[in-house]
N, C-alpha and C. Protein backbone atom coordinates (compact mmCIF):
# COMPACT_ATOMS: atom_id res chain seq x y z
N MET A 1 82.73 60.50 1.17
CA MET A 1 83.20 60.53 -0.21
C MET A 1 83.37 61.95 -0.72
N PHE A 2 83.32 62.96 0.16
CA PHE A 2 83.26 64.33 -0.35
C PHE A 2 84.56 64.78 -1.01
N VAL A 3 85.71 64.22 -0.62
CA VAL A 3 86.99 64.64 -1.23
C VAL A 3 87.00 64.25 -2.70
N THR A 4 86.71 62.99 -2.99
CA THR A 4 86.65 62.55 -4.39
C THR A 4 85.51 63.26 -5.13
N GLY A 5 84.38 63.45 -4.43
CA GLY A 5 83.24 64.11 -5.06
C GLY A 5 83.56 65.51 -5.51
N VAL A 6 84.30 66.27 -4.69
CA VAL A 6 84.67 67.64 -5.07
C VAL A 6 85.58 67.62 -6.29
N LYS A 7 86.56 66.73 -6.31
CA LYS A 7 87.48 66.66 -7.45
C LYS A 7 86.72 66.35 -8.74
N ILE A 8 85.83 65.37 -8.68
CA ILE A 8 85.08 65.00 -9.88
C ILE A 8 84.17 66.13 -10.34
N ALA A 9 83.55 66.84 -9.38
CA ALA A 9 82.69 67.97 -9.73
C ALA A 9 83.48 69.06 -10.45
N ILE A 10 84.69 69.33 -9.99
CA ILE A 10 85.53 70.34 -10.63
C ILE A 10 85.96 69.89 -12.02
N VAL A 11 86.33 68.61 -12.16
CA VAL A 11 86.70 68.09 -13.48
C VAL A 11 85.55 68.26 -14.46
N GLU A 12 84.34 67.87 -14.06
CA GLU A 12 83.18 67.97 -14.94
C GLU A 12 82.90 69.42 -15.32
N ALA A 13 83.06 70.34 -14.35
CA ALA A 13 82.81 71.75 -14.62
C ALA A 13 83.84 72.32 -15.59
N LEU A 14 85.11 71.95 -15.43
CA LEU A 14 86.14 72.43 -16.34
C LEU A 14 85.93 71.89 -17.75
N VAL A 15 85.56 70.64 -17.85
CA VAL A 15 85.28 70.06 -19.18
C VAL A 15 84.13 70.82 -19.85
N ALA A 16 83.07 71.10 -19.09
CA ALA A 16 81.94 71.85 -19.65
C ALA A 16 82.37 73.24 -20.08
N GLY A 17 83.18 73.90 -19.27
CA GLY A 17 83.62 75.25 -19.59
C GLY A 17 84.51 75.31 -20.82
N PHE A 18 85.50 74.41 -20.88
CA PHE A 18 86.42 74.42 -22.01
C PHE A 18 85.72 74.03 -23.31
N ASN A 19 84.78 73.11 -23.23
CA ASN A 19 84.06 72.73 -24.45
C ASN A 19 83.09 73.81 -24.91
N ALA A 20 82.69 74.69 -23.98
CA ALA A 20 81.89 75.86 -24.39
C ALA A 20 82.77 76.86 -25.13
N ILE A 21 84.06 76.90 -24.79
CA ILE A 21 85.00 77.76 -25.51
C ILE A 21 85.19 77.25 -26.93
N ASN A 22 85.29 75.93 -27.05
CA ASN A 22 85.57 75.30 -28.35
C ASN A 22 84.46 74.33 -28.72
N PRO A 23 83.31 74.83 -29.17
CA PRO A 23 82.17 73.94 -29.48
C PRO A 23 82.26 73.31 -30.86
N THR A 24 83.42 72.71 -31.18
CA THR A 24 83.59 72.14 -32.52
C THR A 24 82.90 70.80 -32.67
N GLY A 25 82.70 70.08 -31.55
CA GLY A 25 82.06 68.76 -31.63
C GLY A 25 82.98 67.68 -32.15
N ILE A 26 84.28 67.98 -32.29
CA ILE A 26 85.25 66.98 -32.78
C ILE A 26 86.13 66.58 -31.61
N PRO A 27 85.92 65.40 -31.01
CA PRO A 27 86.67 65.03 -29.82
C PRO A 27 88.14 64.79 -30.10
N ASN A 28 88.98 65.14 -29.12
CA ASN A 28 90.41 64.88 -29.25
C ASN A 28 90.71 63.42 -28.89
N LEU A 29 91.98 63.07 -28.82
CA LEU A 29 92.37 61.67 -28.64
C LEU A 29 91.97 61.13 -27.27
N THR A 30 91.85 62.00 -26.27
CA THR A 30 91.43 61.53 -24.95
C THR A 30 89.92 61.41 -24.85
N GLN A 31 89.20 61.89 -25.87
CA GLN A 31 87.73 61.87 -25.91
C GLN A 31 87.09 62.76 -24.85
N GLN A 32 87.90 63.57 -24.16
CA GLN A 32 87.36 64.40 -23.09
C GLN A 32 86.99 65.79 -23.58
N PHE A 33 87.76 66.31 -24.53
CA PHE A 33 87.56 67.67 -25.01
C PHE A 33 87.40 67.70 -26.52
N ASN A 34 86.82 68.81 -26.99
CA ASN A 34 86.82 69.08 -28.42
C ASN A 34 88.18 69.63 -28.82
N TYR A 35 88.56 69.38 -30.06
CA TYR A 35 89.77 70.02 -30.57
C TYR A 35 89.56 71.53 -30.59
N PRO A 36 90.59 72.30 -30.25
CA PRO A 36 90.44 73.77 -30.26
C PRO A 36 90.06 74.30 -31.63
N SER A 37 89.20 75.29 -31.64
CA SER A 37 88.86 75.95 -32.90
C SER A 37 89.94 76.96 -33.25
N ASP A 38 90.08 77.27 -34.52
CA ASP A 38 91.13 78.17 -34.98
C ASP A 38 90.95 79.59 -34.44
N THR A 39 89.72 79.96 -34.12
CA THR A 39 89.44 81.33 -33.69
C THR A 39 89.47 81.50 -32.18
N SER A 40 89.74 80.44 -31.45
CA SER A 40 89.69 80.52 -29.99
C SER A 40 90.87 81.32 -29.45
N ILE A 41 90.57 82.22 -28.49
CA ILE A 41 91.65 82.96 -27.84
C ILE A 41 92.12 82.23 -26.59
N ASP A 42 91.38 81.21 -26.18
CA ASP A 42 91.74 80.41 -25.03
C ASP A 42 92.21 79.04 -25.50
N LEU A 43 93.13 78.46 -24.75
CA LEU A 43 93.65 77.15 -25.09
C LEU A 43 92.88 76.08 -24.32
N THR A 44 92.56 75.00 -24.99
CA THR A 44 91.90 73.87 -24.35
C THR A 44 92.94 72.80 -24.03
N PRO A 45 92.96 72.27 -22.81
CA PRO A 45 93.91 71.20 -22.50
C PRO A 45 93.47 69.90 -23.17
N ASN A 46 94.38 68.93 -23.21
CA ASN A 46 94.01 67.63 -23.73
C ASN A 46 93.30 66.78 -22.69
N SER A 47 93.51 67.09 -21.41
CA SER A 47 92.83 66.34 -20.37
C SER A 47 92.77 67.15 -19.08
N VAL A 48 91.73 66.88 -18.30
CA VAL A 48 91.62 67.36 -16.92
C VAL A 48 91.39 66.12 -16.08
N THR A 49 92.19 65.92 -15.05
CA THR A 49 92.19 64.63 -14.38
C THR A 49 92.46 64.76 -12.89
N ILE A 50 91.99 63.77 -12.12
CA ILE A 50 92.31 63.72 -10.69
C ILE A 50 93.50 62.79 -10.44
N GLU A 51 94.04 62.20 -11.51
CA GLU A 51 95.26 61.39 -11.43
C GLU A 51 96.34 62.07 -12.26
N TYR A 52 97.58 62.03 -11.79
CA TYR A 52 98.67 62.66 -12.52
C TYR A 52 98.77 62.03 -13.91
N PRO A 53 98.74 62.83 -14.98
CA PRO A 53 98.74 62.28 -16.35
C PRO A 53 100.09 61.65 -16.70
N LEU A 54 100.06 60.40 -17.10
CA LEU A 54 101.30 59.66 -17.36
C LEU A 54 101.61 59.50 -18.84
N GLU A 55 100.62 59.74 -19.71
CA GLU A 55 100.84 59.51 -21.13
C GLU A 55 100.88 60.83 -21.89
N GLU A 56 101.69 60.84 -22.94
CA GLU A 56 101.92 62.08 -23.71
C GLU A 56 100.63 62.62 -24.30
N VAL A 57 99.70 61.72 -24.68
CA VAL A 57 98.46 62.16 -25.31
C VAL A 57 97.61 62.99 -24.36
N GLN A 58 97.86 62.91 -23.04
CA GLN A 58 97.08 63.66 -22.06
C GLN A 58 97.59 65.08 -21.86
N TRP A 59 98.79 65.38 -22.36
CA TRP A 59 99.38 66.70 -22.13
C TRP A 59 99.08 67.64 -23.29
N PRO A 60 98.91 68.95 -23.06
CA PRO A 60 98.89 69.64 -21.76
C PRO A 60 97.66 69.24 -20.95
N ALA A 61 97.82 69.27 -19.64
CA ALA A 61 96.77 68.77 -18.76
C ALA A 61 96.57 69.71 -17.58
N ILE A 62 95.44 69.52 -16.91
CA ILE A 62 95.17 70.20 -15.64
C ILE A 62 94.92 69.11 -14.61
N PHE A 63 95.75 69.07 -13.59
CA PHE A 63 95.69 68.08 -12.53
C PHE A 63 94.93 68.70 -11.36
N VAL A 64 93.76 68.13 -11.05
CA VAL A 64 92.86 68.70 -10.03
C VAL A 64 93.13 68.07 -8.67
N GLN A 65 93.38 68.91 -7.68
CA GLN A 65 93.59 68.44 -6.31
C GLN A 65 92.69 69.24 -5.36
N PHE A 66 92.24 68.59 -4.29
CA PHE A 66 91.41 69.24 -3.29
C PHE A 66 91.95 68.90 -1.92
N ARG A 67 92.14 69.95 -1.10
CA ARG A 67 92.68 69.76 0.24
C ARG A 67 91.71 70.36 1.26
N PRO A 68 90.92 69.50 1.92
CA PRO A 68 89.98 70.01 2.91
C PRO A 68 90.70 70.49 4.15
N SER A 69 90.24 71.62 4.69
CA SER A 69 90.81 72.16 5.93
C SER A 69 89.85 72.02 7.10
N LYS A 70 88.56 71.76 6.78
CA LYS A 70 87.56 71.66 7.84
C LYS A 70 86.40 70.83 7.34
N SER A 71 85.89 69.95 8.18
CA SER A 71 84.68 69.20 7.86
C SER A 71 83.91 68.96 9.15
N GLN A 72 82.59 69.08 9.07
CA GLN A 72 81.77 68.95 10.27
C GLN A 72 80.35 68.58 9.87
N TRP A 73 79.57 68.18 10.86
CA TRP A 73 78.16 67.92 10.61
C TRP A 73 77.48 69.19 10.12
N THR A 74 76.41 69.00 9.35
CA THR A 74 75.62 70.12 8.85
C THR A 74 74.46 70.40 9.80
N GLY A 75 74.43 71.61 10.36
CA GLY A 75 73.31 72.00 11.21
C GLY A 75 73.38 71.42 12.61
N LEU A 76 72.38 71.75 13.42
CA LEU A 76 72.34 71.29 14.80
C LEU A 76 71.98 69.82 14.89
N ASN A 77 71.14 69.35 13.96
CA ASN A 77 70.77 67.93 13.93
C ASN A 77 71.18 67.37 12.57
N PRO A 78 72.33 66.71 12.48
CA PRO A 78 72.85 66.30 11.18
C PRO A 78 72.17 65.07 10.58
N ASP A 79 71.33 64.37 11.37
CA ASP A 79 70.74 63.12 10.89
C ASP A 79 69.56 63.40 9.95
N ILE A 80 69.58 62.73 8.80
CA ILE A 80 68.51 62.85 7.81
C ILE A 80 67.95 61.45 7.56
N TYR A 81 66.61 61.33 7.61
CA TYR A 81 65.95 60.04 7.45
C TYR A 81 65.12 60.05 6.17
N THR A 82 65.33 59.04 5.34
CA THR A 82 64.61 58.90 4.08
C THR A 82 63.87 57.58 4.08
N LEU A 83 62.56 57.64 3.85
CA LEU A 83 61.73 56.43 3.87
C LEU A 83 62.15 55.47 2.77
N VAL A 84 62.35 54.21 3.14
CA VAL A 84 62.67 53.16 2.17
C VAL A 84 61.38 52.77 1.46
N SER A 85 61.33 52.98 0.17
CA SER A 85 60.10 52.71 -0.59
C SER A 85 59.68 51.24 -0.47
N GLY A 86 58.41 51.03 -0.15
CA GLY A 86 57.88 49.69 -0.10
C GLY A 86 58.15 48.91 1.17
N SER A 87 58.85 49.51 2.13
CA SER A 87 59.17 48.78 3.37
C SER A 87 57.94 48.70 4.27
N ASN A 88 57.74 47.53 4.88
CA ASN A 88 56.61 47.32 5.77
C ASN A 88 57.03 46.33 6.87
N PRO A 89 57.18 46.74 8.13
CA PRO A 89 56.91 48.10 8.62
C PRO A 89 57.91 49.12 8.06
N ASN A 90 57.57 50.38 8.19
CA ASN A 90 58.39 51.43 7.61
C ASN A 90 59.82 51.40 8.14
N GLN A 91 60.75 51.49 7.20
CA GLN A 91 62.16 51.62 7.54
C GLN A 91 62.72 52.87 6.85
N TYR A 92 63.77 53.41 7.44
CA TYR A 92 64.35 54.66 6.94
C TYR A 92 65.86 54.50 6.76
N LEU A 93 66.37 55.18 5.73
CA LEU A 93 67.82 55.31 5.58
C LEU A 93 68.27 56.51 6.40
N ALA A 94 69.21 56.28 7.29
CA ALA A 94 69.73 57.35 8.14
C ALA A 94 71.14 57.71 7.68
N ASP A 95 71.35 58.96 7.36
CA ASP A 95 72.71 59.39 7.01
C ASP A 95 72.93 60.82 7.48
N ARG A 96 74.14 61.30 7.28
CA ARG A 96 74.50 62.64 7.74
C ARG A 96 75.19 63.41 6.63
N GLN A 97 74.77 64.64 6.42
CA GLN A 97 75.43 65.50 5.45
C GLN A 97 76.62 66.19 6.10
N ILE A 98 77.60 66.53 5.26
CA ILE A 98 78.87 67.08 5.75
C ILE A 98 79.09 68.47 5.17
N TYR A 99 79.37 69.42 6.04
CA TYR A 99 79.81 70.76 5.61
C TYR A 99 81.34 70.75 5.58
N PHE A 100 81.92 71.36 4.55
CA PHE A 100 83.38 71.36 4.46
C PHE A 100 83.91 72.69 3.94
N GLU A 101 85.17 72.94 4.24
CA GLU A 101 85.94 74.06 3.71
C GLU A 101 87.27 73.52 3.23
N GLY A 102 87.87 74.19 2.25
CA GLY A 102 89.15 73.73 1.76
C GLY A 102 89.65 74.56 0.60
N VAL A 103 90.69 74.06 -0.05
CA VAL A 103 91.26 74.74 -1.22
C VAL A 103 91.32 73.76 -2.39
N ILE A 104 91.04 74.28 -3.57
CA ILE A 104 91.16 73.51 -4.80
C ILE A 104 92.41 74.00 -5.53
N ASP A 105 93.31 73.09 -5.83
CA ASP A 105 94.52 73.42 -6.57
C ASP A 105 94.41 72.87 -7.98
N LEU A 106 94.52 73.74 -8.97
CA LEU A 106 94.49 73.36 -10.38
C LEU A 106 95.91 73.49 -10.92
N GLN A 107 96.58 72.37 -11.07
CA GLN A 107 97.98 72.36 -11.50
C GLN A 107 98.06 72.19 -13.01
N ILE A 108 98.61 73.19 -13.67
CA ILE A 108 98.77 73.17 -15.13
C ILE A 108 100.07 72.45 -15.47
N LEU A 109 99.99 71.49 -16.38
CA LEU A 109 101.16 70.72 -16.82
C LEU A 109 101.27 70.89 -18.34
N ALA A 110 102.31 71.55 -18.77
CA ALA A 110 102.45 71.87 -20.20
C ALA A 110 103.87 71.60 -20.66
N MET A 111 104.04 71.62 -21.99
CA MET A 111 105.35 71.34 -22.60
C MET A 111 106.06 72.60 -23.08
N HIS A 112 105.34 73.74 -23.05
CA HIS A 112 105.93 75.00 -23.49
C HIS A 112 105.43 76.11 -22.58
N SER A 113 106.20 77.16 -22.44
CA SER A 113 105.81 78.25 -21.56
C SER A 113 104.56 78.96 -22.07
N GLU A 114 104.47 79.15 -23.40
CA GLU A 114 103.27 79.80 -23.94
C GLU A 114 102.03 78.94 -23.70
N GLU A 115 102.18 77.63 -23.86
CA GLU A 115 101.08 76.71 -23.63
C GLU A 115 100.60 76.80 -22.18
N ARG A 116 101.56 76.82 -21.26
CA ARG A 116 101.22 76.97 -19.83
C ARG A 116 100.51 78.28 -19.57
N ASP A 117 101.03 79.36 -20.11
CA ASP A 117 100.46 80.68 -19.83
C ASP A 117 99.06 80.83 -20.41
N ARG A 118 98.81 80.26 -21.58
CA ARG A 118 97.47 80.35 -22.18
C ARG A 118 96.45 79.54 -21.38
N LEU A 119 96.87 78.38 -20.87
CA LEU A 119 95.98 77.61 -20.00
C LEU A 119 95.74 78.35 -18.69
N TRP A 120 96.77 79.02 -18.21
CA TRP A 120 96.66 79.85 -17.00
C TRP A 120 95.58 80.90 -17.20
N ASP A 121 95.65 81.61 -18.32
CA ASP A 121 94.65 82.62 -18.64
C ASP A 121 93.26 82.00 -18.77
N SER A 122 93.19 80.83 -19.40
CA SER A 122 91.90 80.18 -19.59
C SER A 122 91.24 79.85 -18.26
N LEU A 123 92.02 79.38 -17.30
CA LEU A 123 91.46 79.06 -15.99
C LEU A 123 90.94 80.31 -15.30
N TYR A 124 91.72 81.39 -15.35
CA TYR A 124 91.26 82.64 -14.74
C TYR A 124 89.96 83.10 -15.40
N ASN A 125 89.88 82.97 -16.73
CA ASN A 125 88.68 83.39 -17.43
C ASN A 125 87.46 82.57 -17.02
N LEU A 126 87.64 81.27 -16.87
CA LEU A 126 86.52 80.41 -16.48
C LEU A 126 85.99 80.77 -15.10
N VAL A 127 86.90 81.02 -14.16
CA VAL A 127 86.50 81.22 -12.76
C VAL A 127 86.08 82.66 -12.50
N LEU A 128 86.76 83.62 -13.10
CA LEU A 128 86.57 85.02 -12.72
C LEU A 128 85.66 85.81 -13.65
N PHE A 129 85.42 85.31 -14.88
CA PHE A 129 84.63 86.10 -15.82
C PHE A 129 83.17 86.19 -15.39
N ASN A 130 82.49 87.18 -15.97
CA ASN A 130 81.07 87.36 -15.73
C ASN A 130 80.31 86.08 -16.09
N PRO A 131 79.33 85.67 -15.27
CA PRO A 131 78.57 84.45 -15.58
C PRO A 131 77.88 84.46 -16.93
N SER A 132 77.74 85.64 -17.54
CA SER A 132 77.13 85.70 -18.86
C SER A 132 78.07 85.20 -19.95
N SER A 133 79.36 85.07 -19.62
CA SER A 133 80.29 84.48 -20.57
C SER A 133 79.90 83.02 -20.80
N PRO A 134 79.82 82.55 -22.04
CA PRO A 134 79.38 81.17 -22.30
C PRO A 134 80.19 80.12 -21.55
N ALA A 135 81.52 80.29 -21.53
CA ALA A 135 82.36 79.30 -20.86
C ALA A 135 82.17 79.34 -19.35
N SER A 136 82.13 80.54 -18.77
CA SER A 136 81.93 80.65 -17.33
C SER A 136 80.54 80.16 -16.93
N ALA A 137 79.55 80.44 -17.77
CA ALA A 137 78.20 79.96 -17.48
C ALA A 137 78.15 78.44 -17.48
N ALA A 138 78.80 77.81 -18.46
CA ALA A 138 78.83 76.35 -18.53
C ALA A 138 79.57 75.77 -17.32
N PHE A 139 80.65 76.41 -16.93
CA PHE A 139 81.43 75.97 -15.76
C PHE A 139 80.58 76.03 -14.49
N ASN A 140 79.93 77.17 -14.27
CA ASN A 140 79.13 77.34 -13.05
C ASN A 140 77.86 76.50 -13.07
N ASN A 141 77.23 76.36 -14.23
CA ASN A 141 76.02 75.55 -14.32
C ASN A 141 76.32 74.09 -14.00
N SER A 142 77.48 73.61 -14.43
CA SER A 142 77.86 72.23 -14.12
C SER A 142 78.02 72.03 -12.62
N LEU A 143 78.65 72.98 -11.94
CA LEU A 143 78.80 72.88 -10.49
C LEU A 143 77.44 72.91 -9.80
N ASN A 144 76.56 73.81 -10.25
CA ASN A 144 75.25 73.96 -9.61
C ASN A 144 74.35 72.76 -9.84
N ALA A 145 74.57 72.02 -10.92
CA ALA A 145 73.71 70.89 -11.24
C ALA A 145 74.14 69.60 -10.55
N ASN A 146 75.27 69.61 -9.88
CA ASN A 146 75.75 68.39 -9.23
C ASN A 146 74.84 68.01 -8.07
N ASP A 147 74.34 66.78 -8.07
CA ASP A 147 73.40 66.36 -7.04
C ASP A 147 74.04 65.63 -5.88
N LEU A 148 75.36 65.51 -5.88
CA LEU A 148 76.07 64.87 -4.77
C LEU A 148 76.85 65.87 -3.92
N ILE A 149 77.33 66.92 -4.57
CA ILE A 149 78.16 67.93 -3.89
C ILE A 149 77.60 69.31 -4.18
N GLY A 150 77.37 70.09 -3.13
CA GLY A 150 77.06 71.51 -3.30
C GLY A 150 78.32 72.30 -2.97
N ILE A 151 78.83 73.05 -3.94
CA ILE A 151 80.13 73.72 -3.73
C ILE A 151 80.05 75.16 -4.21
N THR A 152 80.63 76.05 -3.41
CA THR A 152 80.72 77.47 -3.76
C THR A 152 82.20 77.85 -3.81
N LEU A 153 82.64 78.31 -4.96
CA LEU A 153 84.02 78.79 -5.10
C LEU A 153 84.09 80.23 -4.62
N LEU A 154 85.03 80.53 -3.75
CA LEU A 154 85.21 81.90 -3.26
C LEU A 154 86.11 82.62 -4.25
N GLU A 155 85.47 83.24 -5.25
CA GLU A 155 86.20 83.77 -6.40
C GLU A 155 87.21 84.84 -6.03
N SER A 156 86.93 85.58 -4.94
CA SER A 156 87.87 86.64 -4.55
C SER A 156 89.16 86.08 -3.97
N THR A 157 89.23 84.76 -3.75
CA THR A 157 90.42 84.16 -3.15
C THR A 157 91.33 83.49 -4.18
N VAL A 158 91.03 83.64 -5.47
CA VAL A 158 91.84 82.99 -6.49
C VAL A 158 93.27 83.53 -6.44
N THR A 159 94.23 82.64 -6.25
CA THR A 159 95.63 83.05 -6.15
C THR A 159 96.49 82.11 -6.99
N SER A 160 97.69 82.57 -7.30
CA SER A 160 98.66 81.75 -8.01
C SER A 160 99.73 81.29 -7.04
N LEU A 161 100.08 80.01 -7.12
CA LEU A 161 101.16 79.47 -6.27
C LEU A 161 102.50 79.49 -6.99
N GLY A 162 102.55 80.20 -8.11
CA GLY A 162 103.82 80.32 -8.82
C GLY A 162 103.95 79.33 -9.96
N ASP A 163 105.07 79.43 -10.68
CA ASP A 163 105.31 78.56 -11.82
C ASP A 163 106.72 78.01 -11.76
N THR A 164 106.93 76.86 -12.39
CA THR A 164 108.23 76.20 -12.38
C THR A 164 108.54 75.62 -13.76
N VAL A 165 109.82 75.39 -13.99
CA VAL A 165 110.29 74.64 -15.15
C VAL A 165 111.13 73.50 -14.61
N SER A 166 110.72 72.27 -14.93
CA SER A 166 111.38 71.10 -14.34
C SER A 166 111.78 70.12 -15.44
N PRO A 167 112.92 69.41 -15.26
CA PRO A 167 113.30 68.40 -16.24
C PRO A 167 112.53 67.11 -16.05
N GLY A 168 112.15 66.50 -17.17
CA GLY A 168 111.55 65.18 -17.11
C GLY A 168 110.04 65.17 -17.08
N THR A 169 109.47 64.20 -17.81
CA THR A 169 108.04 63.92 -17.78
C THR A 169 107.89 62.41 -17.57
N PRO A 170 106.68 61.94 -17.26
CA PRO A 170 106.51 60.49 -17.09
C PRO A 170 106.86 59.68 -18.34
N TYR A 171 106.79 60.31 -19.51
CA TYR A 171 107.03 59.57 -20.74
C TYR A 171 108.35 59.93 -21.41
N SER A 172 109.07 60.94 -20.89
CA SER A 172 110.35 61.32 -21.49
C SER A 172 111.20 62.08 -20.47
N PRO A 173 112.32 61.50 -20.03
CA PRO A 173 113.18 62.20 -19.06
C PRO A 173 113.92 63.39 -19.66
N GLU A 174 113.91 63.52 -20.97
CA GLU A 174 114.65 64.60 -21.63
C GLU A 174 113.82 65.86 -21.86
N GLU A 175 112.50 65.75 -21.73
CA GLU A 175 111.62 66.90 -21.95
C GLU A 175 111.58 67.80 -20.72
N LEU A 176 111.28 69.07 -20.95
CA LEU A 176 111.05 70.01 -19.86
C LEU A 176 109.55 70.17 -19.65
N THR A 177 109.13 70.28 -18.39
CA THR A 177 107.72 70.54 -18.10
C THR A 177 107.59 71.96 -17.54
N TYR A 178 106.57 72.64 -18.01
CA TYR A 178 106.26 74.00 -17.56
C TYR A 178 104.97 73.93 -16.75
N GLU A 179 105.06 74.27 -15.49
CA GLU A 179 103.94 74.07 -14.59
C GLU A 179 103.56 75.36 -13.85
N ALA A 180 102.30 75.45 -13.48
CA ALA A 180 101.80 76.55 -12.64
C ALA A 180 100.58 76.02 -11.91
N THR A 181 100.28 76.61 -10.76
CA THR A 181 99.14 76.15 -9.96
C THR A 181 98.27 77.34 -9.57
N VAL A 182 96.98 77.19 -9.84
CA VAL A 182 95.98 78.18 -9.44
C VAL A 182 95.21 77.60 -8.25
N ARG A 183 95.11 78.37 -7.16
CA ARG A 183 94.43 77.90 -5.95
C ARG A 183 93.17 78.72 -5.72
N ILE A 184 92.07 78.01 -5.36
CA ILE A 184 90.78 78.65 -5.10
C ILE A 184 90.23 78.11 -3.79
N ASN A 185 89.88 78.99 -2.87
CA ASN A 185 89.20 78.55 -1.65
C ASN A 185 87.76 78.19 -1.97
N CYS A 186 87.21 77.27 -1.20
CA CYS A 186 85.84 76.87 -1.44
C CYS A 186 85.17 76.44 -0.14
N ILE A 187 83.86 76.48 -0.14
CA ILE A 187 83.06 75.91 0.92
C ILE A 187 81.99 75.05 0.27
N GLY A 188 81.44 74.10 1.00
CA GLY A 188 80.45 73.26 0.36
C GLY A 188 79.80 72.28 1.31
N GLU A 189 78.98 71.44 0.71
CA GLU A 189 78.25 70.44 1.49
C GLU A 189 78.15 69.15 0.68
N SER A 190 78.41 68.06 1.35
CA SER A 190 78.26 66.75 0.73
C SER A 190 76.87 66.22 1.05
N TYR A 191 76.08 65.94 0.00
CA TYR A 191 74.70 65.51 0.20
C TYR A 191 74.56 64.01 0.41
N GLU A 192 75.56 63.26 0.01
CA GLU A 192 75.46 61.81 0.00
C GLU A 192 76.58 61.21 0.82
N SER A 193 76.23 60.46 1.86
CA SER A 193 77.26 59.81 2.67
C SER A 193 77.62 58.47 2.04
N LYS A 194 78.79 57.97 2.37
CA LYS A 194 79.25 56.72 1.78
C LYS A 194 78.51 55.53 2.39
N PHE A 195 78.13 55.66 3.65
CA PHE A 195 77.46 54.55 4.33
C PHE A 195 76.08 55.00 4.80
N ASP A 196 75.07 54.19 4.52
CA ASP A 196 73.72 54.43 5.00
C ASP A 196 73.36 53.37 6.03
N ALA A 197 72.68 53.77 7.09
CA ALA A 197 72.22 52.84 8.11
C ALA A 197 70.71 52.75 8.04
N ILE A 198 70.19 51.55 8.28
CA ILE A 198 68.74 51.34 8.30
C ILE A 198 68.21 51.61 9.70
N ALA A 199 67.18 52.45 9.80
CA ALA A 199 66.55 52.75 11.08
C ALA A 199 65.08 52.36 11.01
N ASN A 200 64.63 51.57 11.96
CA ASN A 200 63.23 51.17 12.01
C ASN A 200 62.39 52.29 12.61
N SER A 201 61.17 52.44 12.11
CA SER A 201 60.27 53.46 12.64
C SER A 201 59.65 52.99 13.94
N LEU A 202 59.23 53.94 14.73
CA LEU A 202 58.55 53.63 15.99
C LEU A 202 57.17 53.06 15.67
N GLN A 203 56.89 51.86 16.18
CA GLN A 203 55.63 51.18 15.88
C GLN A 203 54.55 51.45 16.93
N LYS A 204 54.90 51.35 18.19
CA LYS A 204 53.92 51.59 19.24
C LYS A 204 54.63 51.91 20.54
N ILE A 205 53.89 52.46 21.48
CA ILE A 205 54.41 52.78 22.81
C ILE A 205 53.65 51.94 23.83
N THR A 206 54.37 51.23 24.65
CA THR A 206 53.75 50.41 25.69
C THR A 206 54.10 50.98 27.05
N VAL A 207 53.09 51.25 27.87
CA VAL A 207 53.31 51.77 29.23
C VAL A 207 53.06 50.62 30.21
N SER A 208 54.01 50.39 31.06
CA SER A 208 53.86 49.33 32.05
C SER A 208 54.24 49.86 33.43
N GLY A 209 53.40 49.56 34.43
CA GLY A 209 53.68 50.00 35.79
C GLY A 209 53.41 51.47 35.98
N SER A 210 53.57 51.89 37.21
CA SER A 210 53.37 53.30 37.54
C SER A 210 54.28 53.68 38.69
N VAL A 211 54.53 54.96 38.80
CA VAL A 211 55.37 55.50 39.87
C VAL A 211 54.57 56.54 40.62
N SER A 212 54.51 56.41 41.93
CA SER A 212 53.80 57.37 42.76
C SER A 212 54.82 58.26 43.46
N ILE A 213 54.62 59.54 43.39
CA ILE A 213 55.52 60.50 44.03
C ILE A 213 54.73 61.29 45.06
N THR A 214 55.17 61.25 46.30
CA THR A 214 54.52 62.01 47.36
C THR A 214 55.37 63.20 47.74
N LEU A 215 54.79 64.36 47.68
CA LEU A 215 55.52 65.59 48.02
C LEU A 215 55.16 66.05 49.42
């Protein structure tokens, strides 16, 4: 489940970061963000999502995508056994943690060029600013607190994949969309596997017969 887990972790971190920028406590129509404060120098999107936003109320939006390039077992012995509480005889949940590498693409979807550019700046500020910045601290703290995915963003790899102006939106073929994508390399570990297997504990050892070896 690590692909979906990474996307959700990034969504939660972005929501925490943007709401630290705009701590008004007044939720917008999507209920995901606070309405921007008048004094904010950063723009807050109406939604951050792992699904392409189809409704006008969700725009401007940030569409989160994750593309893993490598996944493998963690360590020399990837099997982890957790005692099942109350089991008699003792039984254990056996699962394996996954180490992964990949890229996170944050696609900005906006209705105006200025709107796109301000969101572009906001993303750079969240990822690249000093951790003492309230928004960056909230963003990083959310990632660090995730108990399913451990993820490290390689901040020195933040790049732009360019920007486009395209005709049509899901809700209006006559509107223009202004888009840009910010890409960040990452490494991480998935702590929770999708499937757990039950393993019985060793109860006793029985020795039967003998072997004689003459040298």
